Protein backbone atom coordinates (compact mmCIF):
# COMPACT_ATOMS: atom_id res chain seq x y z
CA MET A 1 24.60 -26.83 -1.67
CA ILE A 2 27.20 -24.16 -0.89
CA ALA A 3 25.41 -21.71 -3.20
CA LEU A 4 22.12 -22.39 -1.39
CA ILE A 5 23.73 -21.75 2.01
CA GLN A 6 25.22 -18.51 0.68
CA ARG A 7 21.83 -17.33 -0.63
CA VAL A 8 20.13 -18.16 2.67
CA GLY A 9 22.89 -16.35 4.56
CA LEU A 10 22.54 -13.30 2.33
CA MET A 11 18.76 -13.34 2.84
CA LEU A 12 19.22 -13.36 6.62
CA VAL A 13 21.70 -10.47 6.41
CA VAL A 14 19.24 -8.42 4.33
CA ILE A 15 16.45 -9.06 6.84
CA TRP A 16 18.73 -8.16 9.77
CA LEU A 17 19.85 -4.91 8.10
CA ALA A 18 16.26 -3.91 7.30
CA VAL A 19 14.91 -4.46 10.80
CA THR A 20 18.01 -2.87 12.41
CA LEU A 21 17.75 0.28 10.31
CA ALA A 22 14.04 0.51 11.09
CA PHE A 23 14.66 0.08 14.82
CA PHE A 24 17.30 2.82 15.10
CA ALA A 25 15.56 5.17 12.67
CA LEU A 26 12.43 5.08 14.82
CA ARG A 27 14.47 5.73 17.97
CA VAL A 28 15.95 8.89 16.44
CA LEU A 29 12.49 10.47 16.09
CA PRO A 30 11.25 12.40 19.11
CA GLY A 31 8.33 11.05 21.13
CA ASP A 32 6.34 7.84 20.96
CA ALA A 33 2.72 6.69 20.94
CA ILE A 34 2.34 6.60 24.74
CA GLN A 35 3.83 10.05 25.22
CA SER A 36 1.72 11.60 22.44
CA GLN A 37 -1.52 9.95 23.54
CA LEU A 38 -1.21 10.74 27.24
CA ALA A 39 0.13 14.25 26.73
CA GLN A 40 -2.94 15.12 24.66
CA SER A 41 -5.12 13.78 27.49
CA GLY A 42 -3.52 16.17 29.98
CA VAL A 43 -1.69 13.49 32.00
CA ASP A 44 1.30 14.74 34.02
CA ALA A 45 4.87 13.95 32.95
CA GLU A 46 5.51 11.56 35.88
CA THR A 47 2.61 9.31 34.90
CA ILE A 48 3.78 9.33 31.29
CA GLU A 49 7.26 8.19 32.34
CA VAL A 50 5.77 5.41 34.46
CA ARG A 51 3.77 4.12 31.49
CA ARG A 52 6.82 4.35 29.22
CA ALA A 53 8.90 2.44 31.77
CA GLU A 54 6.27 -0.31 31.90
CA GLN A 55 6.73 -0.76 28.13
CA GLY A 56 10.53 -0.76 28.38
CA LEU A 57 10.85 2.51 26.46
CA THR A 58 13.07 4.08 29.12
CA ASP A 59 15.69 1.33 28.92
CA PRO A 60 18.98 2.02 27.11
CA VAL A 61 18.74 1.68 23.34
CA GLY A 62 21.14 -1.28 23.34
CA VAL A 63 18.93 -3.16 25.81
CA GLN A 64 15.84 -2.41 23.75
CA TYR A 65 17.60 -3.58 20.57
CA PHE A 66 18.76 -6.84 22.14
CA ARG A 67 15.26 -7.51 23.47
CA PHE A 68 13.81 -6.67 20.04
CA LEU A 69 16.07 -9.17 18.23
CA THR A 70 15.47 -11.85 20.87
CA ASP A 71 11.71 -11.49 20.54
CA ILE A 72 11.92 -11.72 16.73
CA LEU A 73 13.94 -14.94 16.94
CA ARG A 74 11.21 -16.36 19.18
CA GLY A 75 8.55 -15.25 16.69
CA ASP A 76 7.18 -12.60 19.03
CA LEU A 77 6.56 -9.23 17.35
CA GLY A 78 5.39 -7.62 20.57
CA TYR A 79 2.32 -5.54 21.36
CA SER A 80 0.92 -2.28 20.07
CA LEU A 81 1.64 0.69 22.30
CA LEU A 82 -1.87 2.03 21.78
CA SER A 83 -4.23 -0.95 21.76
CA ARG A 84 -1.96 -3.47 23.58
CA GLU A 85 -3.11 -6.00 20.99
CA PRO A 86 -0.54 -8.56 19.73
CA ILE A 87 1.07 -7.17 16.59
CA SER A 88 0.99 -10.56 14.88
CA ASP A 89 -2.83 -10.58 15.26
CA MET A 90 -3.13 -7.05 13.86
CA ILE A 91 -0.98 -7.91 10.85
CA ALA A 92 -2.78 -11.21 10.25
CA ARG A 93 -6.13 -9.42 10.23
CA SER A 94 -4.89 -6.91 7.65
CA LEU A 95 -2.88 -9.33 5.53
CA LEU A 96 -5.64 -10.83 3.38
CA PRO A 97 -6.91 -7.55 1.82
CA THR A 98 -3.34 -6.48 1.03
CA ALA A 99 -2.47 -9.92 -0.37
CA ALA A 100 -5.50 -9.82 -2.68
CA LEU A 101 -4.56 -6.31 -3.85
CA ALA A 102 -0.87 -7.15 -4.33
CA PHE A 103 -1.51 -10.48 -6.08
CA GLY A 104 -4.02 -8.98 -8.49
CA ALA A 105 -1.74 -6.02 -9.22
CA LEU A 106 1.26 -8.29 -9.79
CA ILE A 107 -0.62 -10.53 -12.25
CA LEU A 108 -1.89 -7.49 -14.15
CA ALA A 109 1.54 -5.82 -14.09
CA SER A 110 3.28 -8.97 -15.35
CA ILE A 111 0.91 -9.46 -18.30
CA PHE A 112 0.69 -5.77 -19.15
CA GLY A 113 4.39 -5.08 -18.61
CA ILE A 114 5.64 -8.01 -20.68
CA SER A 115 3.19 -7.18 -23.48
CA LEU A 116 4.25 -3.52 -23.56
CA GLY A 117 7.92 -4.47 -23.49
CA VAL A 118 7.66 -6.97 -26.34
CA ILE A 119 5.56 -4.66 -28.52
CA GLY A 120 7.86 -1.72 -27.83
CA ALA A 121 10.94 -3.75 -28.77
CA LEU A 122 9.55 -5.27 -31.98
CA ARG A 123 8.80 -1.88 -33.57
CA VAL A 124 5.32 -2.84 -34.74
CA GLY A 125 3.99 -0.47 -37.41
CA GLY A 126 1.05 1.90 -37.24
CA GLY A 127 2.36 3.66 -34.15
CA VAL A 128 1.62 0.62 -31.94
CA SER A 129 5.21 0.34 -30.68
CA PHE A 130 5.36 4.07 -30.05
CA PHE A 131 2.15 3.89 -28.01
CA ALA A 132 3.54 0.95 -26.00
CA ARG A 133 6.73 2.87 -25.21
CA LEU A 134 4.63 5.91 -24.28
CA LEU A 135 2.56 3.87 -21.80
CA THR A 136 5.76 2.46 -20.33
CA SER A 137 7.14 5.96 -19.80
CA LEU A 138 3.88 7.12 -18.23
CA SER A 139 3.87 4.15 -15.87
CA LEU A 140 7.42 4.94 -14.73
CA SER A 141 7.06 8.69 -14.44
CA THR A 142 3.51 9.23 -13.15
CA PRO A 143 3.11 9.23 -9.33
CA ILE A 144 0.71 6.58 -8.11
CA TYR A 145 -1.43 9.07 -6.19
CA TYR A 146 -1.99 11.04 -9.42
CA THR A 147 -2.89 7.88 -11.36
CA GLY A 148 -5.24 6.81 -8.58
CA THR A 149 -6.95 10.19 -8.38
CA LEU A 150 -7.39 10.25 -12.15
CA GLY A 151 -8.80 6.71 -12.09
CA ILE A 152 -11.32 7.66 -9.41
CA TYR A 153 -12.39 10.74 -11.36
CA ILE A 154 -12.86 8.85 -14.65
CA PHE A 155 -14.27 5.48 -13.56
CA SER A 156 -16.14 6.54 -10.42
CA VAL A 157 -17.16 10.18 -10.85
CA LEU A 158 -17.65 10.56 -14.62
CA LEU A 159 -18.61 7.04 -15.71
CA GLY A 160 -19.89 5.59 -12.43
CA TRP A 161 -18.61 2.12 -13.35
CA LEU A 162 -16.56 1.32 -10.25
CA PRO A 163 -16.73 2.30 -6.56
CA SER A 164 -14.03 4.66 -5.35
CA ALA A 165 -13.70 3.41 -1.77
CA GLY A 166 -14.30 0.38 0.43
CA ALA A 167 -13.48 -3.32 0.32
CA SER A 168 -16.79 -5.11 0.76
CA SER A 169 -17.03 -6.67 -2.72
CA PHE A 170 -14.96 -7.68 -5.73
CA ASN A 171 -15.90 -4.47 -7.53
CA HIS A 172 -14.08 -2.48 -4.84
CA LEU A 173 -10.89 -4.34 -5.73
CA ILE A 174 -10.86 -3.68 -9.48
CA LEU A 175 -9.86 -0.01 -9.55
CA PRO A 176 -7.08 -0.29 -6.91
CA VAL A 177 -5.66 -3.31 -8.77
CA LEU A 178 -5.71 -1.40 -12.06
CA VAL A 179 -3.95 1.59 -10.53
CA LEU A 180 -1.30 -0.39 -8.64
CA GLY A 181 -0.82 -2.82 -11.55
CA PHE A 182 -0.28 0.01 -14.04
CA HIS A 183 2.21 1.67 -11.69
CA THR A 184 4.14 -1.61 -11.29
CA ALA A 185 4.11 -2.60 -14.98
CA GLY A 186 6.53 0.11 -16.11
CA SER A 187 9.68 -1.47 -14.67
CA ILE A 188 8.75 -4.89 -16.05
CA ALA A 189 8.06 -3.39 -19.48
CA ARG A 190 11.33 -1.46 -19.57
CA VAL A 191 13.45 -4.51 -18.69
CA THR A 192 11.50 -6.72 -21.11
CA GLN A 193 11.96 -4.21 -23.92
CA ALA A 194 15.72 -3.96 -23.36
CA ASN A 195 16.14 -7.74 -23.16
CA VAL A 196 14.13 -8.42 -26.32
CA ARG A 197 16.15 -5.85 -28.25
CA ASP A 198 19.43 -7.37 -27.08
CA VAL A 199 18.32 -10.92 -27.92
CA LEU A 200 17.10 -9.94 -31.41
CA ASP A 201 20.64 -8.81 -32.20
CA ALA A 202 22.22 -11.99 -30.84
CA GLU A 203 24.06 -14.45 -33.07
CA PHE A 204 21.73 -17.40 -32.46
CA ILE A 205 18.78 -15.32 -33.70
CA GLN A 206 20.64 -14.56 -36.93
CA VAL A 207 21.34 -18.28 -37.31
CA ALA A 208 17.66 -19.10 -36.81
CA ARG A 209 16.70 -16.60 -39.49
CA ALA A 210 19.36 -17.98 -41.82
CA LYS A 211 17.78 -21.43 -41.47
CA GLY A 212 14.64 -20.05 -43.08
CA LEU A 213 12.42 -19.86 -40.01
CA SER A 214 9.60 -17.36 -40.15
CA GLU A 215 9.96 -14.17 -38.14
CA LYS A 216 7.06 -15.26 -35.92
CA ALA A 217 8.76 -18.57 -35.13
CA VAL A 218 12.09 -16.84 -34.45
CA ILE A 219 10.47 -14.46 -31.99
CA LEU A 220 8.16 -16.89 -30.21
CA ARG A 221 10.39 -19.99 -30.08
CA HIS A 222 13.82 -18.42 -29.65
CA ALA A 223 13.88 -14.71 -28.81
CA LEU A 224 11.18 -14.52 -26.15
CA GLN A 225 12.34 -17.65 -24.34
CA ALA A 226 15.80 -16.16 -23.82
CA ALA A 227 14.64 -12.59 -23.23
CA LEU A 228 12.00 -13.29 -20.62
CA LEU A 229 14.11 -15.37 -18.23
CA PRO A 230 15.74 -12.31 -16.54
CA VAL A 231 12.28 -10.73 -16.23
CA VAL A 232 11.35 -13.35 -13.62
CA GLN A 233 13.67 -11.69 -11.11
CA VAL A 234 12.33 -8.23 -11.94
CA ILE A 235 8.78 -9.43 -11.28
CA ALA A 236 9.89 -10.83 -7.91
CA LEU A 237 11.52 -7.51 -7.02
CA GLN A 238 8.35 -5.64 -7.95
CA ALA A 239 6.36 -8.03 -5.75
CA GLY A 240 8.61 -7.06 -2.85
CA PHE A 241 8.08 -3.35 -3.57
CA LEU A 242 4.28 -3.65 -3.74
CA LEU A 243 3.85 -2.81 -0.06
CA SER A 244 5.08 0.74 -0.64
CA GLY A 245 2.49 1.10 -3.41
CA ALA A 246 -0.16 -0.50 -1.21
CA VAL A 247 0.35 2.19 1.46
CA ILE A 248 -0.76 4.91 -0.98
CA THR A 249 -3.35 2.79 -2.79
CA GLU A 250 -5.09 1.59 0.37
CA SER A 251 -5.16 5.11 1.78
CA LEU A 252 -6.42 6.61 -1.47
CA PHE A 253 -9.19 4.04 -1.90
CA VAL A 254 -9.95 3.80 1.86
CA ARG A 255 -9.18 0.08 1.98
CA PRO A 256 -8.10 -1.94 5.02
CA GLY A 257 -4.73 -3.64 4.78
CA VAL A 258 -1.13 -3.76 5.91
CA GLY A 259 -0.23 -0.63 3.96
CA ARG A 260 -2.83 1.49 5.68
CA LEU A 261 -1.97 -0.12 9.01
CA LEU A 262 1.65 0.92 8.49
CA LEU A 263 0.68 4.49 7.65
CA ASP A 264 -1.56 4.82 10.70
CA ALA A 265 1.09 3.29 12.98
CA THR A 266 3.72 5.71 11.64
CA LEU A 267 1.50 8.74 12.16
CA GLN A 268 0.59 7.58 15.67
CA GLN A 269 4.24 6.72 16.49
CA ASP A 270 3.32 3.14 17.36
CA TYR A 271 6.90 1.93 16.94
CA PRO A 272 6.46 -1.79 17.75
CA LEU A 273 3.74 -2.06 15.10
CA VAL A 274 5.91 -0.29 12.52
CA GLN A 275 8.80 -2.62 13.36
CA GLY A 276 6.56 -5.69 13.00
CA ILE A 277 5.42 -4.63 9.54
CA VAL A 278 9.03 -3.91 8.53
CA VAL A 279 9.99 -7.43 9.61
CA LEU A 280 7.15 -8.86 7.51
CA SER A 281 8.17 -6.75 4.51
CA ALA A 282 11.84 -7.69 4.78
CA VAL A 283 11.10 -11.40 5.06
CA THR A 284 8.68 -11.26 2.13
CA TYR A 285 11.08 -9.30 -0.07
CA ALA A 286 14.07 -11.55 0.71
CA ALA A 287 12.07 -14.76 0.26
CA LEU A 288 10.62 -13.65 -3.09
CA ASN A 289 14.04 -12.57 -4.33
CA MET A 290 15.55 -15.90 -3.33
CA LEU A 291 12.67 -17.80 -4.95
CA ALA A 292 13.07 -15.87 -8.21
CA ASP A 293 16.82 -16.50 -8.20
CA THR A 294 16.21 -20.22 -7.68
CA VAL A 295 13.63 -20.37 -10.47
CA ARG A 296 15.94 -18.55 -12.85
CA ARG A 297 18.77 -20.96 -12.07
CA LEU A 298 16.49 -23.89 -12.79
CA LEU A 299 15.25 -22.44 -16.10
CA ASP A 300 18.47 -20.91 -17.41
CA PRO A 301 21.51 -23.21 -17.69
CA ARG A 302 23.77 -20.19 -18.28
CA VAL A 303 23.13 -18.96 -14.73
CA ARG A 304 23.87 -22.41 -13.25
CA LEU A 305 27.23 -22.47 -15.09
């Protein structure tokens, strides 16, 4: 019970730090959405200040911060400076496309990453293990915008198999999922590969081999079960990081979603909208991390001890 309270407390601290850093980082930048929009329209400075005062942007930073935290505790993310639409409604409208993209990419990354990691660690002959390690390195080192551009050129321009933009059908989801899933799989593969190698050298694996078990049985029944437990937490961490990949992927493939909403809000200096998405990201990341930690404790008695 004490451990659960500590994990919940740590999760709340992480969320508070994330939203606090976002709040003050945005206040350091010059200008805001109202000032930029009205200045481009030729409105005089006095009118701009009146509009900013109406939104509370002229209040001291401490007052704004206190009001920001109070609103979050009440579940109120505020309103967009540009459209005056509730931020919770804007995020809810964009959440489903991003959730479909992130979920598909995470499933693909988990299967692909674990497979690459296991094959790379087992040193399969015929260059298979070398090819698996090469793909892992490419996944880790290749920028997602380069992978996405290459995917569009091959599958959309040259082959014409998949659409390069839009979100009106399932076919529009395949290429973004492949790109984001490949980009996410590298970390999972690297951790899986290291864990499998460590477990294969462990004493209990040598004992299993000494008992006369086949190499296949040793790997499937003993090595993988122990090696893959820590990977659960890595997968949860990658799920929390998917929003950063979704920003680029949704922009590259012209898809609606939270990632593209965040990019547009940042460029337009719509600070309340940026803050709302940061709150969502922090809560999602902390909750997934806590869930993975709980699952690992349930599956691995060593962690409970």
